[in-house]
Amino acid sequence: MGNRIAAVLTLSLSLVIPAFAAQDKGAPRNPEQLRERLEELKSRLELTPAQVEQIRPVLREELQKLKAVRDKYDEPNRNRRRRLQMARELRDIQNAMDNQLKKILSKKQMEELKKIRQERREQIR
């Protein structure tokens, strides 16, 4: 159960890439918010236990890359150029992850993942 939660947690964090680019405004702030988002993802994507196991290493790698990008651009007064560079790097990470997830998730699940991401973007704005 703990591994399943960790995998879904990692997936949820990967879905807030736009939030990282916007200074984490849409990221969960406390454990309860995080749990709610995890349940939403698990439900909306209808992940099977096998998918959770396949996704785990992909998401771990993605989280490490996201953290590295956030650390790299952790500046109090980022200018527009630096923010755009950060957004590009985050988008590249997301695209690479999508290529891997397409091998694991169904087309329907990928479509739902895109909807979730779009909803997150709209929440940030």
N, C-alpha and C. Protein backbone atom coordinates (compact mmCIF):
# COMPACT_ATOMS: atom_id res chain seq x y z
N MET A 1 0.82 -1.19 0.00
CA MET A 1 0.00 0.00 0.00
C MET A 1 0.86 1.25 0.00
N GLY A 2 1.93 1.27 0.81
CA GLY A 2 2.81 2.42 0.86
C GLY A 2 3.46 2.70 -0.48
N ASN A 3 3.83 1.63 -1.19
CA ASN A 3 4.44 1.81 -2.51
C ASN A 3 3.45 2.38 -3.51
N ARG A 4 2.21 1.96 -3.41
CA ARG A 4 1.17 2.45 -4.31
C ARG A 4 0.94 3.94 -4.05
N ILE A 5 0.89 4.31 -2.79
CA ILE A 5 0.70 5.72 -2.44
C ILE A 5 1.88 6.54 -2.93
N ALA A 6 3.08 6.01 -2.77
CA ALA A 6 4.27 6.72 -3.23
C ALA A 6 4.23 6.92 -4.74
N ALA A 7 3.79 5.93 -5.47
CA ALA A 7 3.72 6.05 -6.92
C ALA A 7 2.69 7.08 -7.34
N VAL A 8 1.54 7.05 -6.70
CA VAL A 8 0.50 8.01 -7.04
C VAL A 8 0.92 9.40 -6.61
N LEU A 9 1.61 9.52 -5.47
CA LEU A 9 2.14 10.80 -5.02
C LEU A 9 3.09 11.35 -6.06
N THR A 10 3.96 10.51 -6.54
CA THR A 10 4.93 10.94 -7.54
C THR A 10 4.20 11.39 -8.80
N LEU A 11 3.18 10.66 -9.19
CA LEU A 11 2.39 11.04 -10.36
C LEU A 11 1.74 12.39 -10.15
N SER A 12 1.20 12.60 -8.97
CA SER A 12 0.52 13.88 -8.72
C SER A 12 1.50 15.03 -8.78
N LEU A 13 2.70 14.82 -8.28
CA LEU A 13 3.70 15.88 -8.34
C LEU A 13 4.10 16.17 -9.77
N SER A 14 4.11 15.14 -10.59
CA SER A 14 4.47 15.35 -11.98
C SER A 14 3.41 16.13 -12.74
N LEU A 15 2.23 16.12 -12.21
CA LEU A 15 1.14 16.82 -12.87
C LEU A 15 1.10 18.30 -12.55
N VAL A 16 1.93 18.72 -11.64
CA VAL A 16 1.94 20.13 -11.28
C VAL A 16 3.14 20.85 -11.88
N ILE A 17 3.66 20.35 -12.97
CA ILE A 17 4.78 21.01 -13.62
C ILE A 17 4.47 22.49 -13.87
N PRO A 18 3.28 22.81 -14.36
CA PRO A 18 3.00 24.24 -14.54
C PRO A 18 3.09 25.00 -13.21
N ALA A 19 2.78 24.34 -12.14
CA ALA A 19 2.86 24.99 -10.84
C ALA A 19 4.31 25.32 -10.49
N PHE A 20 5.23 24.43 -10.83
CA PHE A 20 6.64 24.71 -10.56
C PHE A 20 7.07 25.94 -11.34
N ALA A 21 6.64 26.04 -12.55
CA ALA A 21 7.01 27.19 -13.37
C ALA A 21 6.40 28.48 -12.83
N ALA A 22 5.31 28.35 -12.11
CA ALA A 22 4.64 29.51 -11.52
C ALA A 22 4.90 29.59 -10.03
N GLN A 23 6.09 29.22 -9.61
CA GLN A 23 6.53 29.29 -8.22
C GLN A 23 5.68 28.44 -7.29
N ASP A 24 5.29 27.27 -7.75
CA ASP A 24 4.58 26.29 -6.94
C ASP A 24 3.23 26.77 -6.42
N LYS A 25 2.58 27.69 -7.09
CA LYS A 25 1.29 28.20 -6.61
C LYS A 25 0.22 27.13 -6.57
N GLY A 26 0.27 26.11 -7.46
CA GLY A 26 -0.77 25.11 -7.50
C GLY A 26 -0.41 23.81 -6.82
N ALA A 27 0.76 23.74 -6.24
CA ALA A 27 1.21 22.51 -5.60
C ALA A 27 0.50 22.32 -4.26
N PRO A 28 0.25 21.07 -3.89
CA PRO A 28 -0.37 20.82 -2.59
C PRO A 28 0.49 21.38 -1.47
N ARG A 29 -0.14 22.00 -0.48
CA ARG A 29 0.59 22.66 0.60
C ARG A 29 0.62 21.85 1.89
N ASN A 30 -0.34 20.94 2.07
CA ASN A 30 -0.35 20.16 3.31
C ASN A 30 -0.73 18.72 2.99
N PRO A 31 -0.52 17.82 3.94
CA PRO A 31 -0.79 16.39 3.69
C PRO A 31 -2.22 16.10 3.26
N GLU A 32 -3.18 16.83 3.79
CA GLU A 32 -4.58 16.57 3.42
C GLU A 32 -4.83 16.92 1.95
N GLN A 33 -4.32 18.06 1.51
CA GLN A 33 -4.48 18.43 0.10
C GLN A 33 -3.81 17.39 -0.80
N LEU A 34 -2.67 16.93 -0.38
CA LEU A 34 -1.93 15.94 -1.15
C LEU A 34 -2.73 14.64 -1.25
N ARG A 35 -3.28 14.20 -0.14
CA ARG A 35 -4.09 12.97 -0.14
C ARG A 35 -5.29 13.11 -1.07
N GLU A 36 -5.95 14.27 -1.03
CA GLU A 36 -7.11 14.49 -1.89
C GLU A 36 -6.71 14.40 -3.37
N ARG A 37 -5.59 15.00 -3.70
CA ARG A 37 -5.14 14.96 -5.09
C ARG A 37 -4.76 13.55 -5.51
N LEU A 38 -4.15 12.82 -4.61
CA LEU A 38 -3.77 11.44 -4.91
C LEU A 38 -4.99 10.60 -5.22
N GLU A 39 -6.01 10.75 -4.41
CA GLU A 39 -7.24 9.98 -4.63
C GLU A 39 -7.89 10.36 -5.96
N GLU A 40 -7.86 11.65 -6.27
CA GLU A 40 -8.43 12.10 -7.54
C GLU A 40 -7.70 11.46 -8.73
N LEU A 41 -6.38 11.47 -8.67
CA LEU A 41 -5.60 10.89 -9.77
C LEU A 41 -5.84 9.40 -9.91
N LYS A 42 -5.79 8.73 -8.79
CA LYS A 42 -6.00 7.28 -8.81
C LYS A 42 -7.37 6.95 -9.42
N SER A 43 -8.35 7.71 -9.02
CA SER A 43 -9.71 7.50 -9.51
C SER A 43 -9.85 7.89 -10.98
N ARG A 44 -9.38 9.08 -11.31
CA ARG A 44 -9.59 9.59 -12.66
C ARG A 44 -8.80 8.83 -13.71
N LEU A 45 -7.60 8.41 -13.37
CA LEU A 45 -6.80 7.65 -14.34
C LEU A 45 -7.11 6.16 -14.29
N GLU A 46 -7.79 5.73 -13.23
CA GLU A 46 -8.14 4.32 -13.06
C GLU A 46 -6.90 3.43 -13.24
N LEU A 47 -5.85 3.76 -12.49
CA LEU A 47 -4.60 3.01 -12.59
C LEU A 47 -4.75 1.60 -12.04
N THR A 48 -4.21 0.65 -12.75
CA THR A 48 -4.18 -0.72 -12.26
C THR A 48 -2.93 -0.88 -11.38
N PRO A 49 -2.91 -1.89 -10.53
CA PRO A 49 -1.70 -2.12 -9.73
C PRO A 49 -0.45 -2.31 -10.61
N ALA A 50 -0.60 -2.97 -11.74
CA ALA A 50 0.53 -3.18 -12.64
C ALA A 50 1.02 -1.84 -13.20
N GLN A 51 0.10 -0.95 -13.55
CA GLN A 51 0.49 0.36 -14.06
C GLN A 51 1.23 1.16 -12.99
N VAL A 52 0.75 1.08 -11.77
CA VAL A 52 1.42 1.79 -10.68
C VAL A 52 2.87 1.33 -10.57
N GLU A 53 3.08 0.03 -10.65
CA GLU A 53 4.44 -0.52 -10.55
C GLU A 53 5.31 -0.08 -11.74
N GLN A 54 4.73 -0.01 -12.92
CA GLN A 54 5.49 0.39 -14.11
C GLN A 54 5.82 1.88 -14.10
N ILE A 55 4.92 2.66 -13.56
CA ILE A 55 5.07 4.11 -13.56
C ILE A 55 6.06 4.58 -12.50
N ARG A 56 6.16 3.85 -11.41
CA ARG A 56 6.98 4.29 -10.28
C ARG A 56 8.39 4.74 -10.68
N PRO A 57 9.19 3.93 -11.40
CA PRO A 57 10.56 4.38 -11.73
C PRO A 57 10.57 5.60 -12.66
N VAL A 58 9.60 5.69 -13.55
CA VAL A 58 9.51 6.84 -14.46
C VAL A 58 9.28 8.10 -13.65
N LEU A 59 8.39 8.01 -12.70
CA LEU A 59 8.05 9.18 -11.90
C LEU A 59 9.15 9.57 -10.93
N ARG A 60 9.82 8.58 -10.38
CA ARG A 60 10.96 8.90 -9.49
C ARG A 60 12.01 9.70 -10.25
N GLU A 61 12.31 9.24 -11.45
CA GLU A 61 13.31 9.93 -12.27
C GLU A 61 12.84 11.35 -12.59
N GLU A 62 11.57 11.47 -12.92
CA GLU A 62 11.03 12.79 -13.25
C GLU A 62 11.12 13.73 -12.05
N LEU A 63 10.77 13.24 -10.87
CA LEU A 63 10.84 14.09 -9.68
C LEU A 63 12.26 14.58 -9.42
N GLN A 64 13.23 13.71 -9.62
CA GLN A 64 14.62 14.11 -9.44
C GLN A 64 14.99 15.22 -10.43
N LYS A 65 14.55 15.08 -11.66
CA LYS A 65 14.84 16.09 -12.67
C LYS A 65 14.13 17.41 -12.36
N LEU A 66 12.87 17.31 -11.92
CA LEU A 66 12.13 18.52 -11.57
C LEU A 66 12.79 19.27 -10.42
N LYS A 67 13.23 18.51 -9.42
CA LYS A 67 13.90 19.13 -8.28
C LYS A 67 15.18 19.82 -8.73
N ALA A 68 15.93 19.18 -9.60
CA ALA A 68 17.17 19.76 -10.09
C ALA A 68 16.90 21.08 -10.83
N VAL A 69 15.84 21.10 -11.63
CA VAL A 69 15.50 22.34 -12.35
C VAL A 69 15.06 23.42 -11.37
N ARG A 70 14.21 23.05 -10.41
CA ARG A 70 13.78 24.05 -9.42
C ARG A 70 14.97 24.59 -8.64
N ASP A 71 15.89 23.73 -8.26
CA ASP A 71 17.08 24.17 -7.52
C ASP A 71 17.95 25.09 -8.39
N LYS A 72 18.07 24.74 -9.64
CA LYS A 72 18.88 25.51 -10.57
C LYS A 72 18.35 26.94 -10.73
N TYR A 73 17.04 27.08 -10.73
CA TYR A 73 16.42 28.39 -10.95
C TYR A 73 15.86 29.00 -9.65
N ASP A 74 16.34 28.54 -8.54
CA ASP A 74 15.87 29.05 -7.25
C ASP A 74 16.51 30.40 -6.96
N GLU A 75 15.92 31.40 -7.55
CA GLU A 75 16.40 32.77 -7.40
C GLU A 75 15.22 33.64 -6.99
N PRO A 76 15.41 34.53 -6.02
CA PRO A 76 14.29 35.35 -5.57
C PRO A 76 13.76 36.29 -6.65
N ASN A 77 14.61 36.78 -7.52
CA ASN A 77 14.18 37.74 -8.54
C ASN A 77 14.51 37.23 -9.94
N ARG A 78 13.87 36.13 -10.32
CA ARG A 78 14.12 35.60 -11.66
C ARG A 78 13.57 36.58 -12.69
N ASN A 79 14.37 36.84 -13.71
CA ASN A 79 13.88 37.70 -14.78
C ASN A 79 13.08 36.86 -15.77
N ARG A 80 12.46 37.52 -16.70
CA ARG A 80 11.60 36.84 -17.67
C ARG A 80 12.37 35.77 -18.45
N ARG A 81 13.58 36.08 -18.83
CA ARG A 81 14.38 35.12 -19.60
C ARG A 81 14.64 33.85 -18.80
N ARG A 82 14.98 33.98 -17.52
CA ARG A 82 15.24 32.82 -16.67
C ARG A 82 13.96 32.01 -16.47
N ARG A 83 12.82 32.69 -16.30
CA ARG A 83 11.55 31.97 -16.15
C ARG A 83 11.22 31.18 -17.40
N LEU A 84 11.48 31.77 -18.57
CA LEU A 84 11.23 31.06 -19.83
C LEU A 84 12.16 29.86 -19.99
N GLN A 85 13.42 30.02 -19.59
CA GLN A 85 14.36 28.90 -19.65
C GLN A 85 13.88 27.77 -18.74
N MET A 86 13.43 28.14 -17.55
CA MET A 86 12.94 27.14 -16.61
C MET A 86 11.71 26.43 -17.18
N ALA A 87 10.79 27.21 -17.74
CA ALA A 87 9.58 26.62 -18.32
C ALA A 87 9.92 25.66 -19.45
N ARG A 88 10.90 26.02 -20.28
CA ARG A 88 11.33 25.14 -21.38
C ARG A 88 11.88 23.82 -20.84
N GLU A 89 12.72 23.93 -19.83
CA GLU A 89 13.30 22.71 -19.25
C GLU A 89 12.21 21.83 -18.62
N LEU A 90 11.27 22.46 -17.94
CA LEU A 90 10.17 21.70 -17.34
C LEU A 90 9.33 21.03 -18.42
N ARG A 91 9.09 21.74 -19.51
CA ARG A 91 8.31 21.17 -20.61
C ARG A 91 9.04 19.99 -21.24
N ASP A 92 10.36 20.10 -21.38
CA ASP A 92 11.15 19.00 -21.93
C ASP A 92 11.06 17.76 -21.04
N ILE A 93 11.11 17.99 -19.74
CA ILE A 93 10.99 16.87 -18.78
C ILE A 93 9.62 16.22 -18.93
N GLN A 94 8.58 17.06 -19.02
CA GLN A 94 7.22 16.53 -19.15
C GLN A 94 7.07 15.76 -20.46
N ASN A 95 7.63 16.27 -21.54
CA ASN A 95 7.53 15.57 -22.83
C ASN A 95 8.23 14.21 -22.78
N ALA A 96 9.39 14.18 -22.15
CA ALA A 96 10.11 12.90 -22.02
C ALA A 96 9.30 11.92 -21.18
N MET A 97 8.69 12.43 -20.10
CA MET A 97 7.87 11.56 -19.27
C MET A 97 6.65 11.05 -20.05
N ASP A 98 6.03 11.94 -20.82
CA ASP A 98 4.88 11.54 -21.62
C ASP A 98 5.23 10.41 -22.57
N ASN A 99 6.40 10.49 -23.18
CA ASN A 99 6.81 9.43 -24.10
C ASN A 99 6.90 8.09 -23.38
N GLN A 100 7.37 8.11 -22.15
CA GLN A 100 7.44 6.88 -21.37
C GLN A 100 6.05 6.43 -20.91
N LEU A 101 5.23 7.39 -20.49
CA LEU A 101 3.90 7.04 -20.00
C LEU A 101 3.00 6.49 -21.11
N LYS A 102 3.21 6.94 -22.34
CA LYS A 102 2.42 6.44 -23.46
C LYS A 102 2.58 4.93 -23.64
N LYS A 103 3.70 4.41 -23.19
CA LYS A 103 3.95 2.97 -23.28
C LYS A 103 3.24 2.21 -22.16
N ILE A 104 2.83 2.93 -21.11
CA ILE A 104 2.23 2.29 -19.94
C ILE A 104 0.72 2.54 -19.86
N LEU A 105 0.33 3.78 -20.11
CA LEU A 105 -1.08 4.16 -19.98
C LEU A 105 -1.81 3.97 -21.31
N SER A 106 -3.10 3.78 -21.21
CA SER A 106 -3.93 3.70 -22.41
C SER A 106 -4.12 5.10 -22.99
N LYS A 107 -4.62 5.17 -24.21
CA LYS A 107 -4.91 6.47 -24.82
C LYS A 107 -5.91 7.25 -23.98
N LYS A 108 -6.89 6.55 -23.47
CA LYS A 108 -7.92 7.19 -22.64
C LYS A 108 -7.28 7.78 -21.37
N GLN A 109 -6.38 7.05 -20.76
CA GLN A 109 -5.71 7.54 -19.55
C GLN A 109 -4.82 8.75 -19.88
N MET A 110 -4.15 8.71 -21.00
CA MET A 110 -3.30 9.84 -21.40
C MET A 110 -4.16 11.08 -21.66
N GLU A 111 -5.30 10.89 -22.27
CA GLU A 111 -6.21 12.02 -22.50
C GLU A 111 -6.67 12.60 -21.17
N GLU A 112 -6.99 11.74 -20.23
CA GLU A 112 -7.43 12.20 -18.92
C GLU A 112 -6.29 12.92 -18.19
N LEU A 113 -5.08 12.42 -18.34
CA LEU A 113 -3.92 13.07 -17.74
C LEU A 113 -3.75 14.48 -18.30
N LYS A 114 -3.94 14.64 -19.60
CA LYS A 114 -3.85 15.96 -20.21
C LYS A 114 -4.94 16.89 -19.68
N LYS A 115 -6.14 16.36 -19.47
CA LYS A 115 -7.22 17.16 -18.90
C LYS A 115 -6.87 17.63 -17.49
N ILE A 116 -6.30 16.73 -16.70
CA ILE A 116 -5.92 17.07 -15.33
C ILE A 116 -4.87 18.17 -15.35
N ARG A 117 -3.89 18.03 -16.22
CA ARG A 117 -2.85 19.05 -16.33
C ARG A 117 -3.44 20.40 -16.71
N GLN A 118 -4.36 20.39 -17.66
CA GLN A 118 -5.00 21.64 -18.09
C GLN A 118 -5.77 22.27 -16.93
N GLU A 119 -6.46 21.46 -16.17
CA GLU A 119 -7.19 21.98 -15.00
C GLU A 119 -6.22 22.63 -14.01
N ARG A 120 -5.07 22.00 -13.82
CA ARG A 120 -4.05 22.55 -12.90
C ARG A 120 -3.55 23.90 -13.41
N ARG A 121 -3.32 23.97 -14.72
CA ARG A 121 -2.86 25.24 -15.30
C ARG A 121 -3.88 26.34 -15.07
N GLU A 122 -5.15 26.01 -15.26
CA GLU A 122 -6.21 27.00 -15.07
C GLU A 122 -6.33 27.42 -13.60
N GLN A 123 -6.09 26.51 -12.69
CA GLN A 123 -6.13 26.84 -11.27
C GLN A 123 -5.03 27.83 -10.90
N ILE A 124 -3.89 27.72 -11.56
CA ILE A 124 -2.75 28.58 -11.28
C ILE A 124 -3.03 30.01 -11.73
N ARG A 125 -3.71 30.13 -12.84
CA ARG A 125 -3.98 31.46 -13.41
C ARG A 125 -5.02 32.15 -12.65
